[in-house]
């Protein structure tokens, strides 16, 4: 098997499916370009007896032709094009049943949502194929995958018909974490410092397809310039295709994404809809659910508040990067930007979000990963509703304590000055007044290279974490 970075828990589920005494129905979801197809094909490899990929925005006839071509290739015999999906699955049943093997037979439908064209009946026939034959054969693994996670959730997981509770294993692929990104680069003989890897991650995120474009011998700035801003760069026009490839009608999705991109700390629902010019309707609620399900936005609840008091925040690193620089700043020379004020603003915000996505590593670095915790944020306001203190990362601990994390991005050892020390003390004081019961408050600094232990640091900061923690 080719090398697979990370994905240990997902591959363990695959192994269990291979040795189980029954047929298995596996659904693999995750955002676009995350490596679903690579993982499935790499792991199952020779066990795959049939694999077809849906074609975006094509008719049922085109999908059936692709299906038949694959069947002819796999079987070594020429199949005529079926008139409908009933005939197509009958052909597949005949072919798969005749495959002689001592191991389970894997039937893989990739980009499944694209195959279910309007009024095609595809999904109903797939359910019939599973219920009437594959499930009873005991040696079939039916794998479906798609980037439109919300479609699979609604149409497959939540189906009230033939697919109800039929999926035996659900697998969600997350982006690589920093540690996995480092391992991935090393596997390609790319040896970058953790600071340089972090810069790349803050722009591209942990998406393997994007990271694969980084070349040995390049700095982070050179890689980002080539990939995102050169005329033939892989991601030059990626944003324009990103959402349209997942959502069949992406206009509302893009309005939400663009609105959130202009508000770095997110927006509550009513403010988001007003600024995006969208109605407060069930259709918009569904769009928000779809964006959350596919990992492009997150919903965050503030400390001590009910879940409906939270805010939506743009979570996709590449979307944040693209909309800030390519659309708002309209730059085309990234290397020249690395000393600019917009770069400093972006890098600070991107590093904050990086920490939010690596809270498991932060808990481990603080030595509190073994106790119950809840990670949130808190925007403290006065009696007039004006913000008085913004706590971007707050860890509520079961040992009757709170870790108040101050996140600062720098390219060297961070120097805490008098003004910043006063701001942290104000946050501690405001938080203490906000608490309903007494808890210990521990200020924590998170910076790439640690902090200078000066007079403003000593006696105030209880712990500091650096990039090595985020790579745990």
Protein backbone atom coordinates (compact mmCIF):
# COMPACT_ATOMS: atom_id res chain seq x y z
CA UNK A 1 0.00 0.00 0.00
CA UNK A 2 1.24 3.50 -0.84
CA UNK A 3 2.06 5.76 2.08
CA UNK A 4 -0.93 7.33 3.84
CA UNK A 5 -0.30 10.26 6.19
CA UNK A 6 -2.47 10.19 9.29
CA UNK A 7 -5.96 8.73 8.83
CA UNK A 8 -5.21 5.95 11.33
CA UNK A 9 -8.72 5.76 12.79
CA UNK A 10 -10.31 5.79 9.35
CA UNK A 11 -8.09 2.97 8.10
CA UNK A 12 -8.90 0.95 11.20
CA UNK A 13 -12.59 1.18 10.27
CA UNK A 14 -11.68 -0.02 6.78
CA UNK A 15 -9.77 -2.98 8.26
CA UNK A 16 -12.75 -3.89 10.44
CA UNK A 17 -14.99 -3.84 7.37
CA UNK A 18 -12.65 -6.17 5.50
CA UNK A 19 -12.73 -8.84 8.20
CA UNK A 20 -16.34 -8.51 9.37
CA UNK A 21 -18.61 -11.49 8.63
CA UNK A 22 -21.16 -9.38 6.79
CA UNK A 23 -21.35 -6.96 3.90
CA UNK A 24 -20.53 -3.36 4.79
CA UNK A 25 -21.90 -0.04 3.56
CA UNK A 26 -19.34 2.74 4.13
CA UNK A 27 -19.87 6.47 3.54
CA UNK A 28 -16.79 8.71 3.36
CA UNK A 29 -17.31 12.47 3.49
CA UNK A 30 -15.14 15.53 3.82
CA UNK A 31 -14.54 18.83 2.10
CA UNK A 32 -13.35 19.11 -1.49
CA UNK A 33 -9.70 18.14 -2.12
CA UNK A 34 -9.28 16.50 1.28
CA UNK A 35 -8.12 13.12 -0.04
CA UNK A 36 -11.21 10.90 0.14
CA UNK A 37 -10.60 9.17 -3.19
CA UNK A 38 -6.87 8.72 -2.50
CA UNK A 39 -7.50 7.12 0.88
CA UNK A 40 -10.17 4.71 -0.40
CA UNK A 41 -8.24 3.66 -3.51
CA UNK A 42 -4.93 3.39 -1.68
CA UNK A 43 -6.28 1.30 1.18
CA UNK A 44 -8.56 -1.07 -0.73
CA UNK A 45 -6.42 -1.14 -3.89
CA UNK A 46 -6.75 -4.65 -5.42
CA UNK A 47 -9.99 -5.31 -3.53
CA UNK A 48 -11.84 -2.77 -5.68
CA UNK A 49 -13.78 -4.66 -8.30
CA UNK A 50 -15.78 -1.65 -9.53
CA UNK A 51 -15.20 2.11 -9.25
CA UNK A 52 -17.12 4.87 -10.98
CA UNK A 53 -17.02 8.64 -10.43
CA UNK A 54 -20.01 10.91 -10.90
CA UNK A 55 -19.71 13.66 -13.49
CA UNK A 56 -20.53 17.18 -12.35
CA UNK A 57 -23.55 18.87 -13.96
CA UNK A 58 -24.17 16.07 -16.45
CA UNK A 59 -27.31 14.23 -17.49
CA UNK A 60 -28.40 10.76 -16.48
CA UNK A 61 -27.35 9.57 -19.93
CA UNK A 62 -23.78 10.78 -19.39
CA UNK A 63 -23.65 9.16 -15.94
CA UNK A 64 -24.91 5.86 -17.37
CA UNK A 65 -22.33 5.98 -20.14
CA UNK A 66 -19.50 6.49 -17.64
CA UNK A 67 -20.91 3.63 -15.55
CA UNK A 68 -21.03 1.30 -18.55
CA UNK A 69 -17.53 2.22 -19.72
CA UNK A 70 -16.11 1.33 -16.32
CA UNK A 71 -18.05 -1.93 -16.24
CA UNK A 72 -16.73 -2.87 -19.69
CA UNK A 73 -13.16 -2.02 -18.64
CA UNK A 74 -13.35 -4.02 -15.43
CA UNK A 75 -15.01 -7.08 -16.92
CA UNK A 76 -13.13 -7.24 -20.21
CA UNK A 77 -16.39 -7.51 -22.16
CA UNK A 78 -18.36 -4.88 -24.04
CA UNK A 79 -21.56 -3.82 -22.29
CA UNK A 80 -24.24 -1.90 -24.13
CA UNK A 81 -25.45 1.33 -22.59
CA UNK A 82 -28.39 0.60 -20.23
CA UNK A 83 -31.65 2.45 -20.64
CA UNK A 84 -31.87 3.38 -16.95
CA UNK A 85 -30.34 2.75 -13.54
CA UNK A 86 -32.40 -0.40 -13.00
CA UNK A 87 -30.66 -2.01 -15.96
CA UNK A 88 -27.28 -0.57 -14.95
CA UNK A 89 -27.39 -2.07 -11.45
CA UNK A 90 -28.60 -5.38 -12.83
CA UNK A 91 -25.47 -5.43 -15.00
CA UNK A 92 -23.31 -4.56 -11.99
CA UNK A 93 -24.90 -7.32 -9.93
CA UNK A 94 -24.19 -9.87 -12.68
CA UNK A 95 -20.58 -8.74 -13.03
CA UNK A 96 -19.75 -8.43 -9.30
CA UNK A 97 -21.40 -11.74 -8.50
CA UNK A 98 -19.14 -13.49 -10.98
CA UNK A 99 -15.89 -11.99 -9.64
CA UNK A 100 -13.95 -14.84 -8.07
CA UNK A 101 -11.93 -13.75 -5.03
CA UNK A 102 -11.15 -14.91 -1.50
CA UNK A 103 -11.51 -11.40 -0.12
CA UNK A 104 -14.33 -8.94 0.04
CA UNK A 105 -15.33 -7.16 -3.17
CA UNK A 106 -15.29 -3.37 -2.96
CA UNK A 107 -17.76 -1.42 -5.08
CA UNK A 108 -16.89 2.28 -4.96
CA UNK A 109 -19.15 5.15 -6.05
CA UNK A 110 -17.16 8.39 -5.96
CA UNK A 111 -18.80 11.84 -6.01
CA UNK A 112 -22.12 10.09 -5.49
CA UNK A 113 -24.20 13.33 -5.32
CA UNK A 114 -23.29 14.12 -8.95
CA UNK A 115 -24.69 10.78 -10.11
CA UNK A 116 -28.14 11.51 -8.70
CA UNK A 117 -29.28 13.78 -11.51
CA UNK A 118 -32.82 15.13 -11.46
CA UNK A 119 -35.58 12.52 -11.72
CA UNK A 120 -33.04 9.77 -12.46
CA UNK A 121 -34.15 7.49 -9.63
CA UNK A 122 -30.49 6.68 -8.96
CA UNK A 123 -30.65 6.78 -5.18
CA UNK A 124 -33.72 4.56 -4.97
CA UNK A 125 -32.11 1.97 -7.25
CA UNK A 126 -28.88 2.10 -5.23
CA UNK A 127 -30.94 1.36 -2.12
CA UNK A 128 -32.63 -1.55 -3.91
CA UNK A 129 -29.23 -2.88 -5.04
CA UNK A 130 -28.01 -2.91 -1.45
CA UNK A 131 -31.17 -4.21 0.20
CA UNK A 132 -32.01 -6.92 -2.32
CA UNK A 133 -28.55 -8.25 -3.12
CA UNK A 134 -25.31 -6.70 -1.78
CA UNK A 135 -26.25 -6.83 1.90
CA UNK A 136 -27.10 -10.54 1.59
CA UNK A 137 -23.91 -11.58 -0.19
CA UNK A 138 -21.85 -11.15 3.01
CA UNK A 139 -18.69 -10.35 1.01
CA UNK A 140 -19.47 -6.92 -0.45
CA UNK A 141 -18.15 -3.56 0.72
CA UNK A 142 -20.17 -0.76 -0.84
CA UNK A 143 -18.30 2.54 -0.50
CA UNK A 144 -19.83 5.91 -1.33
CA UNK A 145 -17.99 9.23 -1.16
CA UNK A 146 -18.70 12.85 -1.92
CA UNK A 147 -17.62 16.38 -1.08
CA UNK A 148 -21.25 17.49 -0.73
CA UNK A 149 -21.41 16.23 2.85
CA UNK A 150 -24.77 17.83 3.55
CA UNK A 151 -26.26 16.00 0.55
CA UNK A 152 -25.09 12.64 1.88
CA UNK A 153 -26.35 13.51 5.37
CA UNK A 154 -29.80 14.51 4.07
CA UNK A 155 -30.22 11.99 1.27
CA UNK A 156 -28.46 8.95 2.72
CA UNK A 157 -28.03 9.17 6.50
CA UNK A 158 -31.43 10.79 7.08
CA UNK A 159 -33.31 8.95 4.34
CA UNK A 160 -36.68 7.65 5.49
CA UNK A 161 -36.89 5.12 2.66
CA UNK A 162 -34.67 2.29 1.47
CA UNK A 163 -31.40 3.77 2.76
CA UNK A 164 -32.64 4.40 6.30
CA UNK A 165 -29.97 3.13 8.75
CA UNK A 166 -28.22 1.14 6.00
CA UNK A 167 -24.80 2.80 6.26
CA UNK A 168 -22.74 0.65 8.63
CA UNK A 169 -19.68 2.93 8.95
CA UNK A 170 -19.56 6.72 8.63
CA UNK A 171 -16.17 8.31 8.03
CA UNK A 172 -15.43 12.04 8.02
CA UNK A 173 -12.03 13.21 6.78
CA UNK A 174 -10.60 16.26 8.51
CA UNK A 175 -7.87 18.47 7.01
CA UNK A 176 -4.32 17.56 8.02
CA UNK A 177 -3.18 19.00 11.31
CA UNK A 178 0.16 20.78 11.54
CA UNK A 179 1.96 17.63 12.66
CA UNK A 180 0.51 15.67 9.72
CA UNK A 181 1.43 18.48 7.35
CA UNK A 182 5.02 18.31 8.56
CA UNK A 183 5.08 14.53 8.06
CA UNK A 184 3.54 14.94 4.61
CA UNK A 185 6.21 17.43 3.55
CA UNK A 186 8.97 15.19 4.89
CA UNK A 187 7.58 12.28 2.87
CA UNK A 188 8.10 14.47 -0.22
CA UNK A 189 11.63 15.39 0.86
CA UNK A 190 10.51 18.94 1.70
CA UNK A 191 12.27 20.08 4.84
CA UNK A 192 10.91 23.37 6.15
CA UNK A 193 11.06 24.93 9.58
CA UNK A 194 7.90 24.75 11.63
CA UNK A 195 7.51 28.50 11.25
CA UNK A 196 7.54 28.18 7.43
CA UNK A 197 5.08 25.27 7.58
CA UNK A 198 2.82 27.39 9.75
CA UNK A 199 2.88 30.24 7.22
CA UNK A 200 1.86 27.84 4.45
CA UNK A 201 -0.85 26.30 6.62
CA UNK A 202 -2.32 29.70 7.50
CA UNK A 203 -2.79 30.39 3.78
CA UNK A 204 -3.74 26.97 2.42
CA UNK A 205 -5.01 25.04 5.43
CA UNK A 206 -4.42 21.32 5.85
CA UNK A 207 -5.81 20.33 2.45
CA UNK A 208 -3.56 17.64 0.92
CA UNK A 209 -4.36 18.61 -2.67
CA UNK A 210 -3.17 22.16 -1.99
CA UNK A 211 -0.14 21.12 0.05
CA UNK A 212 0.94 18.76 -2.71
CA UNK A 213 1.83 21.81 -4.82
CA UNK A 214 4.59 22.94 -2.45
CA UNK A 215 8.03 22.16 -3.89
CA UNK A 216 11.33 21.37 -2.23
CA UNK A 217 13.68 24.34 -2.06
CA UNK A 218 10.93 26.96 -1.84
CA UNK A 219 10.27 29.27 1.07
CA UNK A 220 6.71 29.65 2.28
CA UNK A 221 6.44 33.03 0.55
CA UNK A 222 7.72 31.63 -2.75
CA UNK A 223 5.33 28.68 -2.60
CA UNK A 224 2.31 30.85 -1.84
CA UNK A 225 3.24 33.31 -4.58
CA UNK A 226 3.50 30.55 -7.19
CA UNK A 227 0.47 28.53 -6.10
CA UNK A 228 -1.97 31.37 -5.42
CA UNK A 229 -0.88 34.38 -7.46
CA UNK A 230 1.02 33.28 -10.58
CA UNK A 231 -1.09 33.12 -13.75
CA UNK A 232 -0.81 29.34 -13.96
CA UNK A 233 -0.98 28.74 -10.20
CA UNK A 234 -3.14 25.82 -9.09
CA UNK A 235 -5.21 27.99 -6.74
CA UNK A 236 -5.34 31.15 -8.84
CA UNK A 237 -9.00 30.49 -9.66
CA UNK A 238 -9.76 27.84 -7.05
CA UNK A 239 -12.14 29.99 -5.02
CA UNK A 240 -14.41 30.54 -8.01
CA UNK A 241 -14.84 26.77 -8.38
CA UNK A 242 -14.68 25.70 -4.74
CA UNK A 243 -18.27 26.25 -3.64
CA UNK A 244 -19.91 25.68 -7.04
CA UNK A 245 -18.37 22.18 -7.11
CA UNK A 246 -20.04 21.24 -3.82
CA UNK A 247 -23.35 23.11 -3.79
CA UNK A 248 -25.65 22.97 -6.79
CA UNK A 249 -26.87 26.52 -6.18
CA UNK A 250 -24.03 28.29 -4.40
CA UNK A 251 -25.08 31.95 -4.60
CA UNK A 252 -26.41 32.08 -1.04
CA UNK A 253 -23.46 30.09 0.26
CA UNK A 254 -21.06 32.61 -1.28
CA UNK A 255 -22.96 35.58 0.16
CA UNK A 256 -22.57 34.10 3.63
CA UNK A 257 -18.89 33.24 3.12
CA UNK A 258 -18.03 36.70 1.77
CA UNK A 259 -19.91 38.42 4.59
CA UNK A 260 -18.12 36.37 7.24
CA UNK A 261 -14.77 37.02 5.56
CA UNK A 262 -15.24 40.73 6.26
CA UNK A 263 -15.86 40.10 9.97
CA UNK A 264 -12.83 38.41 11.45
CA UNK A 265 -14.43 37.34 14.71
CA UNK A 266 -17.67 36.12 13.17
CA UNK A 267 -21.26 37.26 13.37
CA UNK A 268 -24.40 36.26 15.21
CA UNK A 269 -27.20 34.96 13.01
CA UNK A 270 -29.36 38.09 12.77
CA UNK A 271 -26.38 40.34 12.04
CA UNK A 272 -25.05 37.89 9.46
CA UNK A 273 -28.33 37.68 7.58
CA UNK A 274 -28.83 41.44 7.64
CA UNK A 275 -25.33 42.18 6.33
CA UNK A 276 -25.56 39.45 3.69
CA UNK A 277 -28.97 40.71 2.58
CA UNK A 278 -30.64 37.36 3.24
CA UNK A 279 -34.05 36.54 4.72
CA UNK A 280 -34.44 34.73 8.02
CA UNK A 281 -35.88 31.60 6.43
CA UNK A 282 -35.66 27.84 6.54
CA UNK A 283 -33.87 27.83 3.18
CA UNK A 284 -31.09 30.04 4.57
CA UNK A 285 -30.90 27.88 7.70
CA UNK A 286 -30.31 24.89 5.44
CA UNK A 287 -27.49 26.72 3.67
CA UNK A 288 -25.85 27.49 7.02
CA UNK A 289 -26.17 23.83 8.00
CA UNK A 290 -24.58 22.78 4.69
CA UNK A 291 -21.62 25.14 5.17
CA UNK A 292 -21.08 23.80 8.69
CA UNK A 293 -21.42 20.16 7.56
CA UNK A 294 -18.75 20.66 4.91
CA UNK A 295 -16.39 22.46 7.30
CA UNK A 296 -16.33 25.85 5.59
CA UNK A 297 -17.86 27.70 8.51
CA UNK A 298 -18.05 26.95 12.24
CA UNK A 299 -20.64 27.86 14.82
CA UNK A 300 -19.11 28.93 18.13
CA UNK A 301 -20.95 29.43 21.41
CA UNK A 302 -19.52 32.00 23.86
CA UNK A 303 -18.56 31.03 27.39
CA UNK A 304 -21.53 30.78 29.73
CA UNK A 305 -24.12 31.35 26.98
CA UNK A 306 -26.80 29.17 25.45
CA UNK A 307 -26.12 27.54 22.13
CA UNK A 308 -28.44 29.90 20.26
CA UNK A 309 -26.33 32.89 21.36
CA UNK A 310 -23.33 31.87 19.29
CA UNK A 311 -21.74 33.27 16.17
CA UNK A 312 -20.77 31.95 12.77
CA UNK A 313 -17.15 32.26 11.67
CA UNK A 314 -15.45 31.50 8.36
CA UNK A 315 -13.36 28.41 9.07
CA UNK A 316 -11.69 27.60 5.76
CA UNK A 317 -8.12 28.91 5.77
CA UNK A 318 -7.87 29.25 2.00
CA UNK A 319 -11.19 31.14 1.71
CA UNK A 320 -10.09 33.53 4.45
CA UNK A 321 -6.75 34.07 2.73
CA UNK A 322 -8.16 34.48 -0.77
CA UNK A 323 -10.96 36.86 0.17
CA UNK A 324 -8.65 39.03 2.26
CA UNK A 325 -5.82 39.40 -0.24
CA UNK A 326 -7.13 38.59 -3.71
CA UNK A 327 -10.51 40.33 -3.35
CA UNK A 328 -10.15 42.96 -0.62
CA UNK A 329 -6.49 43.90 -1.08
CA UNK A 330 -6.34 42.91 -4.78
CA UNK A 331 -2.66 42.03 -4.64
CA UNK A 332 -0.69 39.92 -7.10
CA UNK A 333 2.77 39.97 -5.51
CA UNK A 334 2.68 38.02 -2.27
CA UNK A 335 6.39 38.23 -1.50
CA UNK A 336 6.21 42.04 -1.49
CA UNK A 337 3.35 41.90 1.02
CA UNK A 338 5.18 40.12 3.80
CA UNK A 339 6.29 43.36 5.45
CA UNK A 340 3.02 45.24 4.92
CA UNK A 341 0.39 46.19 7.47
CA UNK A 342 -2.33 44.07 5.78
CA UNK A 343 0.01 41.08 6.09
CA UNK A 344 0.52 41.73 9.80
CA UNK A 345 -3.24 41.97 10.35
CA UNK A 346 -3.93 38.79 8.36
CA UNK A 347 -1.14 36.75 9.97
CA UNK A 348 -2.31 37.70 13.47
CA UNK A 349 -5.89 36.67 12.72
CA UNK A 350 -4.87 33.52 10.84
CA UNK A 351 -2.67 32.43 13.74
CA UNK A 352 -5.55 32.94 16.16
CA UNK A 353 -7.74 30.70 14.03
CA UNK A 354 -4.91 28.18 13.75
CA UNK A 355 -4.90 27.92 17.54
CA UNK A 356 -8.67 27.44 17.58
CA UNK A 357 -8.31 24.50 15.18
CA UNK A 358 -5.51 22.97 17.28
CA UNK A 359 -7.06 23.11 20.74
CA UNK A 360 -6.34 19.40 21.30
CA UNK A 361 -2.63 20.16 21.01
CA UNK A 362 -2.97 23.20 23.27
CA UNK A 363 -4.67 21.12 25.97
CA UNK A 364 -1.88 18.58 25.68
CA UNK A 365 0.74 21.33 25.93
CA UNK A 366 -0.91 22.66 29.08
CA UNK A 367 -1.03 19.16 30.53
CA UNK A 368 -4.81 19.25 30.94
CA UNK A 369 -5.85 16.93 28.10
CA UNK A 370 -6.73 14.29 30.69
CA UNK A 371 -9.43 16.36 32.38
CA UNK A 372 -12.78 17.56 31.11
CA UNK A 373 -12.58 20.91 29.36
CA UNK A 374 -14.73 23.21 27.25
CA UNK A 375 -13.14 25.62 24.79
CA UNK A 376 -14.96 28.82 23.88
CA UNK A 377 -14.56 32.58 23.54
CA UNK A 378 -16.01 35.55 25.38
CA UNK A 379 -16.79 39.10 24.30
CA UNK A 380 -17.26 41.07 27.51
CA UNK A 381 -19.52 44.12 27.25
CA UNK A 382 -20.53 47.02 29.49
CA UNK A 383 -24.08 47.98 30.45
CA UNK A 384 -24.46 49.84 27.14
CA UNK A 385 -23.56 46.79 25.11
CA UNK A 386 -20.11 48.06 24.13
CA UNK A 387 -17.27 45.56 23.99
CA UNK A 388 -14.80 46.03 26.84
CA UNK A 389 -12.65 42.91 26.44
CA UNK A 390 -12.32 40.20 23.80
CA UNK A 391 -11.09 36.81 24.98
CA UNK A 392 -10.45 34.79 21.85
CA UNK A 393 -9.64 31.43 23.44
CA UNK A 394 -10.95 30.50 26.85
CA UNK A 395 -10.56 27.02 28.33
CA UNK A 396 -13.01 26.10 31.08
CA UNK A 397 -11.51 23.27 33.13
CA UNK A 398 -13.08 20.71 35.41
CA UNK A 399 -10.41 21.46 38.03
CA UNK A 400 -12.20 24.75 38.84
CA UNK A 401 -9.92 26.89 36.71
CA UNK A 402 -9.94 28.88 33.49
CA UNK A 403 -7.02 29.23 31.08
CA UNK A 404 -7.25 32.63 29.42
CA UNK A 405 -5.20 32.36 26.23
CA UNK A 406 -3.64 35.43 24.67
CA UNK A 407 -2.53 34.62 21.10
CA UNK A 408 0.12 36.73 19.38
CA UNK A 409 1.87 36.07 16.08
CA UNK A 410 5.51 37.13 15.69
CA UNK A 411 8.56 36.07 13.69
CA UNK A 412 10.77 36.10 16.77
CA UNK A 413 10.55 35.95 20.55
CA UNK A 414 7.51 37.99 21.57
CA UNK A 415 8.08 40.95 23.87
CA UNK A 416 5.19 41.74 26.18
CA UNK A 417 5.02 45.52 26.71
CA UNK A 418 3.30 47.65 29.32
CA UNK A 419 0.21 48.27 27.19
CA UNK A 420 -0.36 44.60 26.37
CA UNK A 421 0.24 43.56 30.00
CA UNK A 422 -2.38 46.08 31.11
CA UNK A 423 -4.83 44.72 28.53
CA UNK A 424 -4.36 41.16 29.82
CA UNK A 425 -4.85 42.29 33.41
CA UNK A 426 -8.04 44.04 32.33
CA UNK A 427 -9.28 40.82 30.71
CA UNK A 428 -8.54 38.84 33.88
CA UNK A 429 -10.33 41.43 36.02
CA UNK A 430 -13.34 41.62 33.68
CA UNK A 431 -13.60 37.84 33.48
CA UNK A 432 -13.44 37.53 37.27
CA UNK A 433 -16.36 39.96 37.60
CA UNK A 434 -18.28 38.04 34.93
CA UNK A 435 -17.96 34.69 36.72
CA UNK A 436 -20.91 33.43 38.73
CA UNK A 437 -18.64 31.44 41.01
CA UNK A 438 -15.00 31.77 41.98
CA UNK A 439 -12.48 30.09 39.71
CA UNK A 440 -8.75 30.44 39.31
CA UNK A 441 -7.76 32.30 36.14
CA UNK A 442 -4.46 31.41 34.48
CA UNK A 443 -3.24 33.74 31.70
CA UNK A 444 -1.47 31.78 28.94
CA UNK A 445 0.60 33.23 26.09
CA UNK A 446 0.62 31.37 22.75
CA UNK A 447 3.26 32.65 20.32
CA UNK A 448 5.43 31.02 17.62
CA UNK A 449 8.74 31.45 19.46
CA UNK A 450 7.86 32.03 23.10
CA UNK A 451 8.09 35.21 25.13
CA UNK A 452 10.82 37.37 26.57
CA UNK A 453 10.77 37.01 30.35
CA UNK A 454 10.69 40.72 31.13
CA UNK A 455 9.09 42.66 33.97
CA UNK A 456 5.70 42.68 32.22
CA UNK A 457 5.70 38.92 31.73
CA UNK A 458 6.83 37.85 35.19
CA UNK A 459 4.07 37.70 37.78
CA UNK A 460 1.35 37.84 35.11
CA UNK A 461 1.72 34.97 32.62
CA UNK A 462 1.42 31.50 34.15
CA UNK A 463 2.27 29.42 31.05
CA UNK A 464 3.52 29.95 27.52
CA UNK A 465 3.15 27.72 24.49
CA UNK A 466 4.99 27.90 21.17
CA UNK A 467 4.89 26.27 17.75
CA UNK A 468 6.28 23.00 19.08
CA UNK A 469 3.07 22.64 21.10
CA UNK A 470 0.89 23.15 18.03
CA UNK A 471 2.86 20.41 16.25
CA UNK A 472 2.34 17.84 19.01
